Amino acid sequence: QYIPTNFTVLPLQPNGTSPVELLSGSEMPLWYGRSAQFAQPKAYFECALDTAEVSRNSTTFALADLFALAVSDALEETTALASLVGLDYDFSTTSTGFEMSVSGYSDTLQELLTTVLETVTGGTSG
């Protein structure tokens, strides 16, 4: 399911490798940056899910931490297989909410990201 088949590396744009802000002026800015150093067909996605509820008190923080552990437990079998073909994810609790990252070959990264998001939101985990 997660085995990549497309290893094409897109050419670098002449404007350099600095990150470019794709969405600005919103509560959720979106940046794009390309590594000129490694030239591999890999991608990295990271987002912060901020909510004041997590840090409201020690009980809500503990519940948030248990939720992150439950997500990891639900994804254990799927992500073990994905890691064999170079994909990885992390979902953890922070003092401001949650952080989620997915990394690996760009050809199949979206499939793993979808699986993680469905698990976090209570959908099916594929």
PDB file of N, CA and C in Angstrom:
ATOM      1  N   GLN A   1       0.823  -1.204   0.000  1.00  0.00           N
ATOM      2  CA  GLN A   1       0.000   0.000   0.000  1.00  0.00           C
ATOM      3  C   GLN A   1       0.864   1.263   0.000  1.00  0.00           C
ATOM      4  N   TYR A   2       1.953   1.277   0.735  1.00  0.00           N
ATOM      5  CA  TYR A   2       2.776   2.484   0.853  1.00  0.00           C
ATOM      6  C   TYR A   2       4.068   2.409   0.042  1.00  0.00           C
ATOM      7  N   ILE A   3       4.217   1.412  -0.789  1.00  0.00           N
ATOM      8  CA  ILE A   3       5.452   1.265  -1.552  1.00  0.00           C
ATOM      9  C   ILE A   3       5.494   2.317  -2.659  1.00  0.00           C
ATOM     10  N   PRO A   4       6.514   3.202  -2.643  1.00  0.00           N
ATOM     11  CA  PRO A   4       6.597   4.240  -3.670  1.00  0.00           C
ATOM     12  C   PRO A   4       7.024   3.662  -5.010  1.00  0.00           C
ATOM     13  N   THR A   5       6.518   4.244  -6.087  1.00  0.00           N
ATOM     14  CA  THR A   5       6.904   3.819  -7.433  1.00  0.00           C
ATOM     15  C   THR A   5       7.456   4.976  -8.259  1.00  0.00           C
ATOM     16  N   ASN A   6       7.198   6.221  -7.827  1.00  0.00           N
ATOM     17  CA  ASN A   6       7.656   7.395  -8.559  1.00  0.00           C
ATOM     18  C   ASN A   6       8.787   8.051  -7.770  1.00  0.00           C
ATOM     19  N   PHE A   7      10.002   8.017  -8.338  1.00  0.00           N
ATOM     20  CA  PHE A   7      11.168   8.583  -7.668  1.00  0.00           C
ATOM     21  C   PHE A   7      11.698   9.819  -8.400  1.00  0.00           C
ATOM     22  N   THR A   8      10.836  10.458  -9.170  1.00  0.00           N
ATOM     23  CA  THR A   8      11.227  11.645  -9.918  1.00  0.00           C
ATOM     24  C   THR A   8      11.505  12.805  -8.973  1.00  0.00           C
ATOM     25  N   VAL A   9      12.621  13.488  -9.223  1.00  0.00           N
ATOM     26  CA  VAL A   9      12.964  14.682  -8.450  1.00  0.00           C
ATOM     27  C   VAL A   9      12.707  15.879  -9.352  1.00  0.00           C
ATOM     28  N   LEU A  10      11.839  16.785  -8.901  1.00  0.00           N
ATOM     29  CA  LEU A  10      11.508  17.960  -9.697  1.00  0.00           C
ATOM     30  C   LEU A  10      12.700  18.916  -9.738  1.00  0.00           C
ATOM     31  N   PRO A  11      12.885  19.619 -10.864  1.00  0.00           N
ATOM     32  CA  PRO A  11      14.012  20.561 -10.946  1.00  0.00           C
ATOM     33  C   PRO A  11      13.806  21.748 -10.015  1.00  0.00           C
ATOM     34  N   LEU A  12      14.909  22.302  -9.535  1.00  0.00           N
ATOM     35  CA  LEU A  12      14.859  23.477  -8.666  1.00  0.00           C
ATOM     36  C   LEU A  12      14.416  24.698  -9.453  1.00  0.00           C
ATOM     37  N   GLN A  13      13.625  25.532  -8.838  1.00  0.00           N
ATOM     38  CA  GLN A  13      13.227  26.794  -9.447  1.00  0.00           C
ATOM     39  C   GLN A  13      14.399  27.769  -9.361  1.00  0.00           C
ATOM     40  N   PRO A  14      14.547  28.657 -10.327  1.00  0.00           N
ATOM     41  CA  PRO A  14      15.688  29.572 -10.318  1.00  0.00           C
ATOM     42  C   PRO A  14      15.669  30.605  -9.197  1.00  0.00           C
ATOM     43  N   ASN A  15      14.540  30.783  -8.506  1.00  0.00           N
ATOM     44  CA  ASN A  15      14.457  31.806  -7.468  1.00  0.00           C
ATOM     45  C   ASN A  15      15.063  31.382  -6.130  1.00  0.00           C
ATOM     46  N   GLY A  16      15.724  30.249  -6.071  1.00  0.00           N
ATOM     47  CA  GLY A  16      16.402  29.840  -4.848  1.00  0.00           C
ATOM     48  C   GLY A  16      15.625  28.808  -4.058  1.00  0.00           C
ATOM     49  N   THR A  17      16.091  28.562  -2.836  1.00  0.00           N
ATOM     50  CA  THR A  17      15.502  27.512  -2.012  1.00  0.00           C
ATOM     51  C   THR A  17      14.847  28.040  -0.752  1.00  0.00           C
ATOM     52  N   SER A  18      14.722  29.349  -0.614  1.00  0.00           N
ATOM     53  CA  SER A  18      14.092  29.899   0.581  1.00  0.00           C
ATOM     54  C   SER A  18      12.632  29.475   0.646  1.00  0.00           C
ATOM     55  N   PRO A  19      12.123  29.249   1.851  1.00  0.00           N
ATOM     56  CA  PRO A  19      10.702  28.918   1.951  1.00  0.00           C
ATOM     57  C   PRO A  19       9.836  30.062   1.415  1.00  0.00           C
ATOM     58  N   VAL A  20       8.736  29.689   0.785  1.00  0.00           N
ATOM     59  CA  VAL A  20       7.802  30.650   0.218  1.00  0.00           C
ATOM     60  C   VAL A  20       6.475  30.501   0.960  1.00  0.00           C
ATOM     61  N   GLU A  21       5.905  31.619   1.380  1.00  0.00           N
ATOM     62  CA  GLU A  21       4.621  31.572   2.064  1.00  0.00           C
ATOM     63  C   GLU A  21       3.519  31.473   1.016  1.00  0.00           C
ATOM     64  N   LEU A  22       2.797  30.341   1.023  1.00  0.00           N
ATOM     65  CA  LEU A  22       1.739  30.106   0.042  1.00  0.00           C
ATOM     66  C   LEU A  22       0.421  30.737   0.467  1.00  0.00           C
ATOM     67  N   LEU A  23       0.122  30.705   1.762  1.00  0.00           N
ATOM     68  CA  LEU A  23      -1.084  31.341   2.311  1.00  0.00           C
ATOM     69  C   LEU A  23      -0.655  32.286   3.414  1.00  0.00           C
ATOM     70  N   SER A  24      -1.036  33.534   3.291  1.00  0.00           N
ATOM     71  CA  SER A  24      -0.691  34.484   4.340  1.00  0.00           C
ATOM     72  C   SER A  24      -1.945  35.219   4.795  1.00  0.00           C
ATOM     73  N   GLY A  25      -1.823  35.936   5.897  1.00  0.00           N
ATOM     74  CA  GLY A  25      -2.950  36.720   6.403  1.00  0.00           C
ATOM     75  C   GLY A  25      -4.072  35.880   6.970  1.00  0.00           C
ATOM     76  N   SER A  26      -3.803  34.643   7.283  1.00  0.00           N
ATOM     77  CA  SER A  26      -4.840  33.792   7.863  1.00  0.00           C
ATOM     78  C   SER A  26      -4.341  33.249   9.198  1.00  0.00           C
ATOM     79  N   GLU A  27      -5.214  32.572   9.901  1.00  0.00           N
ATOM     80  CA  GLU A  27      -4.815  31.950  11.163  1.00  0.00           C
ATOM     81  C   GLU A  27      -3.983  30.699  10.927  1.00  0.00           C
ATOM     82  N   MET A  28      -3.917  30.250   9.678  1.00  0.00           N
ATOM     83  CA  MET A  28      -3.189  29.039   9.364  1.00  0.00           C
ATOM     84  C   MET A  28      -2.268  29.289   8.166  1.00  0.00           C
ATOM     85  N   PRO A  29      -1.095  29.906   8.399  1.00  0.00           N
ATOM     86  CA  PRO A  29      -0.190  30.159   7.282  1.00  0.00           C
ATOM     87  C   PRO A  29       0.348  28.848   6.714  1.00  0.00           C
ATOM     88  N   LEU A  30       0.663  28.861   5.438  1.00  0.00           N
ATOM     89  CA  LEU A  30       1.178  27.678   4.763  1.00  0.00           C
ATOM     90  C   LEU A  30       2.459  28.059   4.037  1.00  0.00           C
ATOM     91  N   TRP A  31       3.528  27.316   4.332  1.00  0.00           N
ATOM     92  CA  TRP A  31       4.835  27.584   3.745  1.00  0.00           C
ATOM     93  C   TRP A  31       5.282  26.388   2.919  1.00  0.00           C
ATOM     94  N   TYR A  32       6.069  26.678   1.880  1.00  0.00           N
ATOM     95  CA  TYR A  32       6.659  25.625   1.055  1.00  0.00           C
ATOM     96  C   TYR A  32       8.150  25.906   0.947  1.00  0.00           C
ATOM     97  N   GLY A  33       8.953  24.901   1.197  1.00  0.00           N
ATOM     98  CA  GLY A  33      10.396  25.027   1.043  1.00  0.00           C
ATOM     99  C   GLY A  33      10.948  23.766   0.425  1.00  0.00           C
ATOM    100  N   ARG A  34      11.931  23.902  -0.415  1.00  0.00           N
ATOM    101  CA  ARG A  34      12.512  22.769  -1.120  1.00  0.00           C
ATOM    102  C   ARG A  34      13.971  22.650  -0.755  1.00  0.00           C
ATOM    103  N   SER A  35      14.422  21.466  -0.452  1.00  0.00           N
ATOM    104  CA  SER A  35      15.820  21.229  -0.124  1.00  0.00           C
ATOM    105  C   SER A  35      16.619  21.078  -1.408  1.00  0.00           C
ATOM    106  N   ALA A  36      17.626  21.907  -1.571  1.00  0.00           N
ATOM    107  CA  ALA A  36      18.515  21.800  -2.731  1.00  0.00           C
ATOM    108  C   ALA A  36      19.692  20.879  -2.429  1.00  0.00           C
ATOM    109  N   GLN A  37      19.821  20.490  -1.196  1.00  0.00           N
ATOM    110  CA  GLN A  37      20.987  19.743  -0.761  1.00  0.00           C
ATOM    111  C   GLN A  37      20.884  18.247  -1.058  1.00  0.00           C
ATOM    112  N   PHE A  38      19.742  17.650  -0.870  1.00  0.00           N
ATOM    113  CA  PHE A  38      19.654  16.202  -0.904  1.00  0.00           C
ATOM    114  C   PHE A  38      19.129  15.612  -2.206  1.00  0.00           C
ATOM    115  N   ALA A  39      18.327  16.353  -2.965  1.00  0.00           N
ATOM    116  CA  ALA A  39      17.793  15.907  -4.262  1.00  0.00           C
ATOM    117  C   ALA A  39      17.193  14.501  -4.186  1.00  0.00           C
ATOM    118  N   GLN A  40      16.271  14.323  -3.260  1.00  0.00           N
ATOM    119  CA  GLN A  40      15.567  13.055  -3.123  1.00  0.00           C
ATOM    120  C   GLN A  40      14.074  13.308  -3.236  1.00  0.00           C
ATOM    121  N   PRO A  41      13.330  12.335  -3.728  1.00  0.00           N
ATOM    122  CA  PRO A  41      11.874  12.511  -3.862  1.00  0.00           C
ATOM    123  C   PRO A  41      11.155  12.298  -2.537  1.00  0.00           C
ATOM    124  N   LYS A  42      11.528  13.070  -1.536  1.00  0.00           N
ATOM    125  CA  LYS A  42      10.948  12.932  -0.209  1.00  0.00           C
ATOM    126  C   LYS A  42      10.276  14.236   0.200  1.00  0.00           C
ATOM    127  N   ALA A  43       9.319  14.111   1.106  1.00  0.00           N
ATOM    128  CA  ALA A  43       8.592  15.277   1.592  1.00  0.00           C
ATOM    129  C   ALA A  43       8.462  15.182   3.102  1.00  0.00           C
ATOM    130  N   TYR A  44       8.176  16.327   3.710  1.00  0.00           N
ATOM    131  CA  TYR A  44       7.982  16.402   5.151  1.00  0.00           C
ATOM    132  C   TYR A  44       6.804  17.333   5.396  1.00  0.00           C
ATOM    133  N   PHE A  45       5.811  16.847   6.120  1.00  0.00           N
ATOM    134  CA  PHE A  45       4.632  17.640   6.450  1.00  0.00           C
ATOM    135  C   PHE A  45       4.568  17.761   7.956  1.00  0.00           C
ATOM    136  N   GLU A  46       4.377  18.978   8.453  1.00  0.00           N
ATOM    137  CA  GLU A  46       4.261  19.183   9.887  1.00  0.00           C
ATOM    138  C   GLU A  46       3.184  20.223  10.159  1.00  0.00           C
ATOM    139  N   CYS A  47       2.388  19.980  11.185  1.00  0.00           N
ATOM    140  CA  CYS A  47       1.399  20.985  11.574  1.00  0.00           C
ATOM    141  C   CYS A  47       1.199  20.947  13.080  1.00  0.00           C
ATOM    142  N   ALA A  48       0.789  22.085  13.597  1.00  0.00           N
ATOM    143  CA  ALA A  48       0.464  22.220  15.017  1.00  0.00           C
ATOM    144  C   ALA A  48      -1.037  22.417  15.124  1.00  0.00           C
ATOM    145  N   LEU A  49      -1.657  21.655  15.984  1.00  0.00           N
ATOM    146  CA  LEU A  49      -3.088  21.756  16.233  1.00  0.00           C
ATOM    147  C   LEU A  49      -3.253  22.396  17.607  1.00  0.00           C
ATOM    148  N   ASP A  50      -3.344  23.715  17.616  1.00  0.00           N
ATOM    149  CA  ASP A  50      -3.387  24.452  18.880  1.00  0.00           C
ATOM    150  C   ASP A  50      -4.799  24.552  19.432  1.00  0.00           C
ATOM    151  N   THR A  51      -4.918  24.288  20.725  1.00  0.00           N
ATOM    152  CA  THR A  51      -6.177  24.438  21.432  1.00  0.00           C
ATOM    153  C   THR A  51      -5.889  24.783  22.885  1.00  0.00           C
ATOM    154  N   ALA A  52      -6.570  25.762  23.403  1.00  0.00           N
ATOM    155  CA  ALA A  52      -6.365  26.181  24.790  1.00  0.00           C
ATOM    156  C   ALA A  52      -6.830  25.109  25.778  1.00  0.00           C
ATOM    157  N   GLU A  53      -7.677  24.197  25.338  1.00  0.00           N
ATOM    158  CA  GLU A  53      -8.218  23.171  26.232  1.00  0.00           C
ATOM    159  C   GLU A  53      -7.133  22.259  26.792  1.00  0.00           C
ATOM    160  N   VAL A  54      -6.088  22.006  26.016  1.00  0.00           N
ATOM    161  CA  VAL A  54      -5.041  21.090  26.476  1.00  0.00           C
ATOM    162  C   VAL A  54      -4.358  21.605  27.734  1.00  0.00           C
ATOM    163  N   SER A  55      -4.081  22.892  27.777  1.00  0.00           N
ATOM    164  CA  SER A  55      -3.346  23.448  28.921  1.00  0.00           C
ATOM    165  C   SER A  55      -4.249  24.080  29.973  1.00  0.00           C
ATOM    166  N   ARG A  56      -5.546  23.805  29.897  1.00  0.00           N
ATOM    167  CA  ARG A  56      -6.486  24.387  30.858  1.00  0.00           C
ATOM    168  C   ARG A  56      -6.179  23.946  32.276  1.00  0.00           C
ATOM    169  N   ASN A  57      -5.891  22.659  32.460  1.00  0.00           N
ATOM    170  CA  ASN A  57      -5.506  22.141  33.782  1.00  0.00           C
ATOM    171  C   ASN A  57      -4.803  20.800  33.595  1.00  0.00           C
ATOM    172  N   SER A  58      -4.342  20.221  34.673  1.00  0.00           N
ATOM    173  CA  SER A  58      -3.578  18.974  34.572  1.00  0.00           C
ATOM    174  C   SER A  58      -4.422  17.810  34.067  1.00  0.00           C
ATOM    175  N   THR A  59      -5.705  17.822  34.352  1.00  0.00           N
ATOM    176  CA  THR A  59      -6.586  16.752  33.887  1.00  0.00           C
ATOM    177  C   THR A  59      -6.723  16.779  32.368  1.00  0.00           C
ATOM    178  N   THR A  60      -6.956  17.964  31.806  1.00  0.00           N
ATOM    179  CA  THR A  60      -7.120  18.040  30.347  1.00  0.00           C
ATOM    180  C   THR A  60      -5.807  17.720  29.639  1.00  0.00           C
ATOM    181  N   PHE A  61      -4.668  18.094  30.240  1.00  0.00           N
ATOM    182  CA  PHE A  61      -3.388  17.746  29.628  1.00  0.00           C
ATOM    183  C   PHE A  61      -3.173  16.236  29.655  1.00  0.00           C
ATOM    184  N   ALA A  62      -3.512  15.605  30.763  1.00  0.00           N
ATOM    185  CA  ALA A  62      -3.377  14.148  30.868  1.00  0.00           C
ATOM    186  C   ALA A  62      -4.292  13.445  29.870  1.00  0.00           C
ATOM    187  N   LEU A  63      -5.516  13.944  29.713  1.00  0.00           N
ATOM    188  CA  LEU A  63      -6.432  13.362  28.729  1.00  0.00           C
ATOM    189  C   LEU A  63      -5.914  13.536  27.309  1.00  0.00           C
ATOM    190  N   ALA A  64      -5.324  14.697  27.021  1.00  0.00           N
ATOM    191  CA  ALA A  64      -4.753  14.932  25.699  1.00  0.00           C
ATOM    192  C   ALA A  64      -3.586  13.978  25.440  1.00  0.00           C
ATOM    193  N   ASP A  65      -2.780  13.762  26.460  1.00  0.00           N
ATOM    194  CA  ASP A  65      -1.664  12.830  26.333  1.00  0.00           C
ATOM    195  C   ASP A  65      -2.162  11.406  26.099  1.00  0.00           C
ATOM    196  N   LEU A  66      -3.214  11.012  26.800  1.00  0.00           N
ATOM    197  CA  LEU A  66      -3.814   9.685  26.582  1.00  0.00           C
ATOM    198  C   LEU A  66      -4.384   9.558  25.169  1.00  0.00           C
ATOM    199  N   PHE A  67      -4.970  10.647  24.668  1.00  0.00           N
ATOM    200  CA  PHE A  67      -5.492  10.638  23.302  1.00  0.00           C
ATOM    201  C   PHE A  67      -4.355  10.416  22.305  1.00  0.00           C
ATOM    202  N   ALA A  68      -3.236  11.118  22.474  1.00  0.00           N
ATOM    203  CA  ALA A  68      -2.090  10.947  21.574  1.00  0.00           C
ATOM    204  C   ALA A  68      -1.569   9.506  21.631  1.00  0.00           C
ATOM    205  N   LEU A  69      -1.540   8.928  22.818  1.00  0.00           N
ATOM    206  CA  LEU A  69      -1.114   7.529  22.960  1.00  0.00           C
ATOM    207  C   LEU A  69      -2.103   6.571  22.287  1.00  0.00           C
ATOM    208  N   ALA A  70      -3.386   6.873  22.387  1.00  0.00           N
ATOM    209  CA  ALA A  70      -4.403   6.030  21.738  1.00  0.00           C
ATOM    210  C   ALA A  70      -4.282   6.100  20.227  1.00  0.00           C
ATOM    211  N   VAL A  71      -3.992   7.281  19.692  1.00  0.00           N
ATOM    212  CA  VAL A  71      -3.777   7.423  18.248  1.00  0.00           C
ATOM    213  C   VAL A  71      -2.577   6.579  17.830  1.00  0.00           C
ATOM    214  N   SER A  72      -1.479   6.686  18.562  1.00  0.00           N
ATOM    215  CA  SER A  72      -0.282   5.902  18.244  1.00  0.00           C
ATOM    216  C   SER A  72      -0.559   4.404  18.309  1.00  0.00           C
ATOM    217  N   ASP A  73      -1.324   3.987  19.299  1.00  0.00           N
ATOM    218  CA  ASP A  73      -1.669   2.573  19.429  1.00  0.00           C
ATOM    219  C   ASP A  73      -2.531   2.105  18.254  1.00  0.00           C
ATOM    220  N   ALA A  74      -3.496   2.926  17.861  1.00  0.00           N
ATOM    221  CA  ALA A  74      -4.377   2.559  16.746  1.00  0.00           C
ATOM    222  C   ALA A  74      -3.619   2.468  15.420  1.00  0.00           C
ATOM    223  N   LEU A  75      -2.543   3.229  15.300  1.00  0.00           N
ATOM    224  CA  LEU A  75      -1.772   3.257  14.048  1.00  0.00           C
ATOM    225  C   LEU A  75      -0.571   2.327  14.053  1.00  0.00           C
ATOM    226  N   GLU A  76      -0.347   1.617  15.137  1.00  0.00           N
ATOM    227  CA  GLU A  76       0.887   0.835  15.288  1.00  0.00           C
ATOM    228  C   GLU A  76       1.131  -0.153  14.143  1.00  0.00           C
ATOM    229  N   GLU A  77       0.146  -0.951  13.802  1.00  0.00           N
ATOM    230  CA  GLU A  77       0.331  -1.957  12.748  1.00  0.00           C
ATOM    231  C   GLU A  77       0.546  -1.305  11.383  1.00  0.00           C
ATOM    232  N   THR A  78      -0.276  -0.317  11.073  1.00  0.00           N
ATOM    233  CA  THR A  78      -0.172   0.372   9.786  1.00  0.00           C
ATOM    234  C   THR A  78       1.164   1.077   9.637  1.00  0.00           C
ATOM    235  N   THR A  79       1.580   1.796  10.666  1.00  0.00           N
ATOM    236  CA  THR A  79       2.814   2.564  10.549  1.00  0.00           C
ATOM    237  C   THR A  79       4.060   1.686  10.616  1.00  0.00           C
ATOM    238  N   ALA A  80       3.949   0.516  11.219  1.00  0.00           N
ATOM    239  CA  ALA A  80       5.086  -0.411  11.200  1.00  0.00           C
ATOM    240  C   ALA A  80       5.361  -0.849   9.767  1.00  0.00           C
ATOM    241  N   LEU A  81       4.311  -1.123   9.020  1.00  0.00           N
ATOM    242  CA  LEU A  81       4.475  -1.485   7.614  1.00  0.00           C
ATOM    243  C   LEU A  81       4.983  -0.306   6.794  1.00  0.00           C
ATOM    244  N   ALA A  82       4.458   0.878   7.058  1.00  0.00           N
ATOM    245  CA  ALA A  82       4.880   2.077   6.325  1.00  0.00           C
ATOM    246  C   ALA A  82       6.349   2.391   6.585  1.00  0.00           C
ATOM    247  N   SER A  83       6.807   2.167   7.802  1.00  0.00           N
ATOM    248  CA  SER A  83       8.200   2.480   8.124  1.00  0.00           C
ATOM    249  C   SER A  83       9.172   1.585   7.363  1.00  0.00           C
ATOM    250  N   LEU A  84       8.725   0.393   6.979  1.00  0.00           N
ATOM    251  CA  LEU A  84       9.580  -0.509   6.206  1.00  0.00           C
ATOM    252  C   LEU A  84       9.894   0.039   4.817  1.00  0.00           C
ATOM    253  N   VAL A  85       9.047   0.928   4.307  1.00  0.00           N
ATOM    254  CA  VAL A  85       9.270   1.507   2.977  1.00  0.00           C
ATOM    255  C   VAL A  85       9.612   2.996   3.056  1.00  0.00           C
ATOM    256  N   GLY A  86      10.093   3.436   4.206  1.00  0.00           N
ATOM    257  CA  GLY A  86      10.626   4.787   4.319  1.00  0.00           C
ATOM    258  C   GLY A  86       9.663   5.884   4.706  1.00  0.00           C
ATOM    259  N   LEU A  87       8.497   5.545   5.259  1.00  0.00           N
ATOM    260  CA  LEU A  87       7.545   6.559   5.728  1.00  0.00           C
ATOM    261  C   LEU A  87       7.531   6.567   7.255  1.00  0.00           C
ATOM    262  N   ASP A  88       7.288   7.748   7.817  1.00  0.00           N
ATOM    263  CA  ASP A  88       7.254   7.868   9.271  1.00  0.00           C
ATOM    264  C   ASP A  88       6.247   8.943   9.659  1.00  0.00           C
ATOM    265  N   TYR A  89       5.748   8.874  10.883  1.00  0.00           N
ATOM    266  CA  TYR A  89       4.821   9.886  11.383  1.00  0.00           C
ATOM    267  C   TYR A  89       5.073  10.091  12.866  1.00  0.00           C
ATOM    268  N   ASP A  90       4.573  11.202  13.385  1.00  0.00           N
ATOM    269  CA  ASP A  90       4.591  11.464  14.809  1.00  0.00           C
ATOM    270  C   ASP A  90       3.334  12.248  15.156  1.00  0.00           C
ATOM    271  N   PHE A  91       2.703  11.892  16.238  1.00  0.00           N
ATOM    272  CA  PHE A  91       1.559  12.631  16.758  1.00  0.00           C
ATOM    273  C   PHE A  91       1.771  12.729  18.252  1.00  0.00           C
ATOM    274  N   SER A  92       1.934  13.943  18.760  1.00  0.00           N
ATOM    275  CA  SER A  92       2.267  14.089  20.175  1.00  0.00           C
ATOM    276  C   SER A  92       1.576  15.305  20.778  1.00  0.00           C
ATOM    277  N   THR A  93       1.545  15.307  22.104  1.00  0.00           N
ATOM    278  CA  THR A  93       0.951  16.400  22.873  1.00  0.00           C
ATOM    279  C   THR A  93       2.007  17.457  23.139  1.00  0.00           C
ATOM    280  N   THR A  94       1.586  18.723  23.056  1.00  0.00           N
ATOM    281  CA  THR A  94       2.452  19.842  23.433  1.00  0.00           C
ATOM    282  C   THR A  94       1.698  20.683  24.464  1.00  0.00           C
ATOM    283  N   SER A  95       2.338  21.700  24.996  1.00  0.00           N
ATOM    284  CA  SER A  95       1.680  22.551  25.985  1.00  0.00           C
ATOM    285  C   SER A  95       0.566  23.396  25.366  1.00  0.00           C
ATOM    286  N   THR A  96       0.544  23.494  24.027  1.00  0.00           N
ATOM    287  CA  THR A  96      -0.484  24.296  23.351  1.00  0.00           C
ATOM    288  C   THR A  96      -1.463  23.455  22.539  1.00  0.00           C
ATOM    289  N   GLY A  97      -1.326  22.149  22.550  1.00  0.00           N
ATOM    290  CA  GLY A  97      -2.228  21.293  21.778  1.00  0.00           C
ATOM    291  C   GLY A  97      -1.532  20.023  21.326  1.00  0.00           C
ATOM    292  N   PHE A  98      -1.500  19.826  20.018  1.00  0.00           N
ATOM    293  CA  PHE A  98      -0.887  18.633  19.439  1.00  0.00           C
ATOM    294  C   PHE A  98       0.026  19.034  18.287  1.00  0.00           C
ATOM    295  N   GLU A  99       1.016  18.207  18.030  1.00  0.00           N
ATOM    296  CA  GLU A  99       1.851  18.349  16.838  1.00  0.00           C
ATOM    297  C   GLU A  99       1.774  17.059  16.052  1.00  0.00           C
ATOM    298  N   MET A 100       1.724  17.198  14.732  1.00  0.00           N
ATOM    299  CA  MET A 100       1.671  16.041  13.859  1.00  0.00           C
ATOM    300  C   MET A 100       2.671  16.240  12.735  1.00  0.00           C
ATOM    301  N   SER A 101       3.413  15.205  12.422  1.00  0.00           N
ATOM    302  CA  SER A 101       4.318  15.263  11.278  1.00  0.00           C
ATOM    303  C   SER A 101       4.270  13.932  10.538  1.00  0.00           C
ATOM    304  N   VAL A 102       4.466  14.008   9.230  1.00  0.00           N
ATOM    305  CA  VAL A 102       4.539  12.834   8.374  1.00  0.00           C
ATOM    306  C   VAL A 102       5.693  13.084   7.416  1.00  0.00           C
ATOM    307  N   SER A 103       6.542  12.083   7.223  1.00  0.00           N
ATOM    308  CA  SER A 103       7.688  12.257   6.342  1.00  0.00           C
ATOM    309  C   SER A 103       7.966  10.973   5.573  1.00  0.00           C
ATOM    310  N   GLY A 104       8.639  11.136   4.435  1.00  0.00           N
ATOM    311  CA  GLY A 104       9.019   9.987   3.627  1.00  0.00           C
ATOM    312  C   GLY A 104       8.905  10.286   2.151  1.00  0.00           C
ATOM    313  N   TYR A 105       8.799   9.253   1.349  1.00  0.00           N
ATOM    314  CA  TYR A 105       8.724   9.420  -0.097  1.00  0.00           C
ATOM    315  C   TYR A 105       7.429  10.129  -0.485  1.00  0.00           C
ATOM    316  N   SER A 106       7.571  11.177  -1.282  1.00  0.00           N
ATOM    317  CA  SER A 106       6.422  12.015  -1.624  1.00  0.00           C
ATOM    318  C   SER A 106       5.367  11.265  -2.429  1.00  0.00           C
ATOM    319  N   ASP A 107       5.751  10.194  -3.107  1.00  0.00           N
ATOM    320  CA  ASP A 107       4.815   9.424  -3.915  1.00  0.00           C
ATOM    321  C   ASP A 107       3.678   8.826  -3.087  1.00  0.00           C
ATOM    322  N   THR A 108       3.970   8.409  -1.858  1.00  0.00           N
ATOM    323  CA  THR A 108       2.954   7.750  -1.030  1.00  0.00           C
ATOM    324  C   THR A 108       2.700   8.462   0.297  1.00  0.00           C
ATOM    325  N   LEU A 109       3.308   9.618   0.479  1.00  0.00           N
ATOM    326  CA  LEU A 109       3.151  10.359   1.732  1.00  0.00           C
ATOM    327  C   LEU A 109       1.700  10.735   2.009  1.00  0.00           C
ATOM    328  N   GLN A 110       0.978  11.111   0.969  1.00  0.00           N
ATOM    329  CA  GLN A 110      -0.415  11.523   1.157  1.00  0.00           C
ATOM    330  C   GLN A 110      -1.275  10.383   1.698  1.00  0.00           C
ATOM    331  N   GLU A 111      -0.994   9.157   1.286  1.00  0.00           N
ATOM    332  CA  GLU A 111      -1.763   8.016   1.793  1.00  0.00           C
ATOM    333  C   GLU A 111      -1.576   7.856   3.304  1.00  0.00           C
ATOM    334  N   LEU A 112      -0.322   7.974   3.769  1.00  0.00           N
ATOM    335  CA  LEU A 112      -0.083   7.865   5.208  1.00  0.00           C
ATOM    336  C   LEU A 112      -0.688   9.053   5.946  1.00  0.00           C
ATOM    337  N   LEU A 113      -0.566  10.244   5.393  1.00  0.00           N
ATOM    338  CA  LEU A 113      -1.152  11.432   6.016  1.00  0.00           C
ATOM    339  C   LEU A 113      -2.659  11.271   6.160  1.00  0.00           C
ATOM    340  N   THR A 114      -3.319  10.771   5.134  1.00  0.00           N
ATOM    341  CA  THR A 114      -4.763  10.540   5.180  1.00  0.00           C
ATOM    342  C   THR A 114      -5.115   9.534   6.275  1.00  0.00           C
ATOM    343  N   THR A 115      -4.342   8.468   6.378  1.00  0.00           N
ATOM    344  CA  THR A 115      -4.581   7.456   7.406  1.00  0.00           C
ATOM    345  C   THR A 115      -4.439   8.053   8.806  1.00  0.00           C
ATOM    346  N   VAL A 116      -3.408   8.848   9.023  1.00  0.00           N
ATOM    347  CA  VAL A 116      -3.192   9.470  10.332  1.00  0.00           C
ATOM    348  C   VAL A 116      -4.330  10.442  10.639  1.00  0.00           C
ATOM    349  N   LEU A 117      -4.694  11.279   9.691  1.00  0.00           N
ATOM    350  CA  LEU A 117      -5.764  12.241   9.917  1.00  0.00           C
ATOM    351  C   LEU A 117      -7.100  11.556  10.187  1.00  0.00           C
ATOM    352  N   GLU A 118      -7.395  10.478   9.471  1.00  0.00           N
ATOM    353  CA  GLU A 118      -8.638   9.742   9.720  1.00  0.00           C
ATOM    354  C   GLU A 118      -8.646   9.145  11.114  1.00  0.00           C
ATOM    355  N   THR A 119      -7.503   8.672  11.578  1.00  0.00           N
ATOM    356  CA  THR A 119      -7.416   8.110  12.921  1.00  0.00           C
ATOM    357  C   THR A 119      -7.608   9.205  13.979  1.00  0.00           C
ATOM    358  N   VAL A 120      -6.957  10.344  13.777  1.00  0.00           N
ATOM    359  CA  VAL A 120      -7.063  11.450  14.732  1.00  0.00           C
ATOM    360  C   VAL A 120      -8.496  11.967  14.814  1.00  0.00           C
ATOM    361  N   THR A 121      -9.180  12.027  13.678  1.00  0.00           N
ATOM    362  CA  THR A 121     -10.546  12.585  13.665  1.00  0.00           C
ATOM    363  C   THR A 121     -11.625  11.529  13.903  1.00  0.00           C
ATOM    364  N   GLY A 122     -11.235  10.275  14.083  1.00  0.00           N
ATOM    365  CA  GLY A 122     -12.220   9.232  14.382  1.00  0.00           C
ATOM    366  C   GLY A 122     -12.751   8.524  13.166  1.00  0.00           C
ATOM    367  N   GLY A 123     -12.149   8.754  11.988  1.00  0.00           N
ATOM    368  CA  GLY A 123     -12.554   8.047  10.777  1.00  0.00           C
ATOM    369  C   GLY A 123     -11.922   6.669  10.761  1.00  0.00           C
ATOM    370  N   THR A 124     -11.989   6.008   9.631  1.00  0.00           N
ATOM    371  CA  THR A 124     -11.371   4.701   9.508  1.00  0.00           C
ATOM    372  C   THR A 124      -9.881   4.877   9.279  1.00  0.00           C
ATOM    373  N   SER A 125      -9.078   3.930   9.735  1.00  0.00           N
ATOM    374  CA  SER A 125      -7.628   4.051   9.617  1.00  0.00           C
ATOM    375  C   SER A 125      -7.058   3.233   8.477  1.00  0.00           C
ATOM    376  N   GLY A 126      -7.878   2.863   7.515  1.00  0.00           N
ATOM    377  CA  GLY A 126      -7.385   2.178   6.316  1.00  0.00           C
ATOM    378  C   GLY A 126      -6.985   0.806   6.610  1.00  0.00           C
TER     379      GLY A 126
END
